[in-house]
């Protein structure tokens, strides 16, 4: 192998490592965002379940006919 070829390969490896690091940061950010959104959905589901239990005498809103019927 020539020195020029080795230098070119080293540069390519450096660029690939930088790309992998950038992608790793993106994946880590997405992981945090997914965890945050999952927690929000859980809280909303719990809140809705509590609301439905407190409205036990009425028909759930999703099952009610619209007012124009």
Protein backbone atom coordinates (compact mmCIF):
# COMPACT_ATOMS: atom_id res chain seq x y z
CA UNK A 1 0.00 0.00 0.00
CA UNK A 2 1.16 3.45 -0.78
CA UNK A 3 1.30 6.24 1.77
CA UNK A 4 -1.29 8.18 -0.23
CA UNK A 5 -3.74 5.28 -0.11
CA UNK A 6 -3.20 4.79 3.64
CA UNK A 7 -3.79 8.50 4.23
CA UNK A 8 -7.01 8.38 2.16
CA UNK A 9 -8.24 5.34 4.11
CA UNK A 10 -7.45 7.00 7.44
CA UNK A 11 -9.37 10.10 6.38
CA UNK A 12 -12.34 7.98 5.35
CA UNK A 13 -12.28 6.16 8.69
CA UNK A 14 -12.18 9.50 10.51
CA UNK A 15 -15.23 10.71 8.57
CA UNK A 16 -17.08 7.45 9.24
CA UNK A 17 -16.31 7.69 12.96
CA UNK A 18 -17.65 11.25 13.03
CA UNK A 19 -20.82 10.11 11.25
CA UNK A 20 -21.27 7.25 13.72
CA UNK A 21 -20.81 9.65 16.66
CA UNK A 22 -23.38 12.05 15.18
CA UNK A 23 -25.87 9.23 14.63
CA UNK A 24 -25.28 7.96 18.14
CA UNK A 25 -26.15 11.40 19.51
CA UNK A 26 -29.33 11.45 17.43
CA UNK A 27 -30.37 8.00 18.66
CA UNK A 28 -29.69 8.98 22.27
CA UNK A 29 -31.83 12.10 21.85
CA UNK A 30 -34.63 10.07 20.31
CA UNK A 31 -34.44 7.60 23.16
CA UNK A 32 -34.92 10.40 25.70
CA UNK A 33 -37.79 11.86 23.67
CA UNK A 34 -39.50 8.46 23.42
CA UNK A 35 -39.17 7.94 27.17
CA UNK A 36 -40.64 11.41 27.83
CA UNK A 37 -43.55 10.84 25.44
CA UNK A 38 -44.21 7.37 26.85
CA UNK A 39 -44.43 8.88 30.32
CA UNK A 40 -46.86 11.54 29.07
CA UNK A 41 -49.09 8.94 27.40
CA UNK A 42 -49.11 6.88 30.59
CA UNK A 43 -50.11 9.91 32.65
CA UNK A 44 -52.87 10.82 30.18
CA UNK A 45 -54.20 7.27 30.20
CA UNK A 46 -54.26 7.24 34.00
CA UNK A 47 -55.99 10.61 34.08
CA UNK A 48 -58.60 9.45 31.57
CA UNK A 49 -59.20 6.24 33.52
CA UNK A 50 -59.76 8.28 36.69
CA UNK A 51 -62.13 10.61 34.84
CA UNK A 52 -64.13 7.70 33.44
CA UNK A 53 -64.44 6.19 36.93
CA UNK A 54 -65.72 9.47 38.35
CA UNK A 55 -68.29 9.72 35.51
CA UNK A 56 -69.55 6.19 36.16
CA UNK A 57 -73.22 7.23 35.89
CA UNK A 58 -72.92 8.83 32.45
CA UNK A 59 -72.20 7.45 29.00
CA UNK A 60 -68.54 7.85 27.99
CA UNK A 61 -68.06 10.79 25.64
CA UNK A 62 -66.74 8.53 22.86
CA UNK A 63 -70.03 6.54 22.93
CA UNK A 64 -72.37 9.53 22.97
CA UNK A 65 -74.21 10.65 19.83
CA UNK A 66 -73.28 14.08 18.51
CA UNK A 67 -75.72 16.88 19.51
CA UNK A 68 -77.06 17.28 15.96
CA UNK A 69 -78.53 13.71 15.94
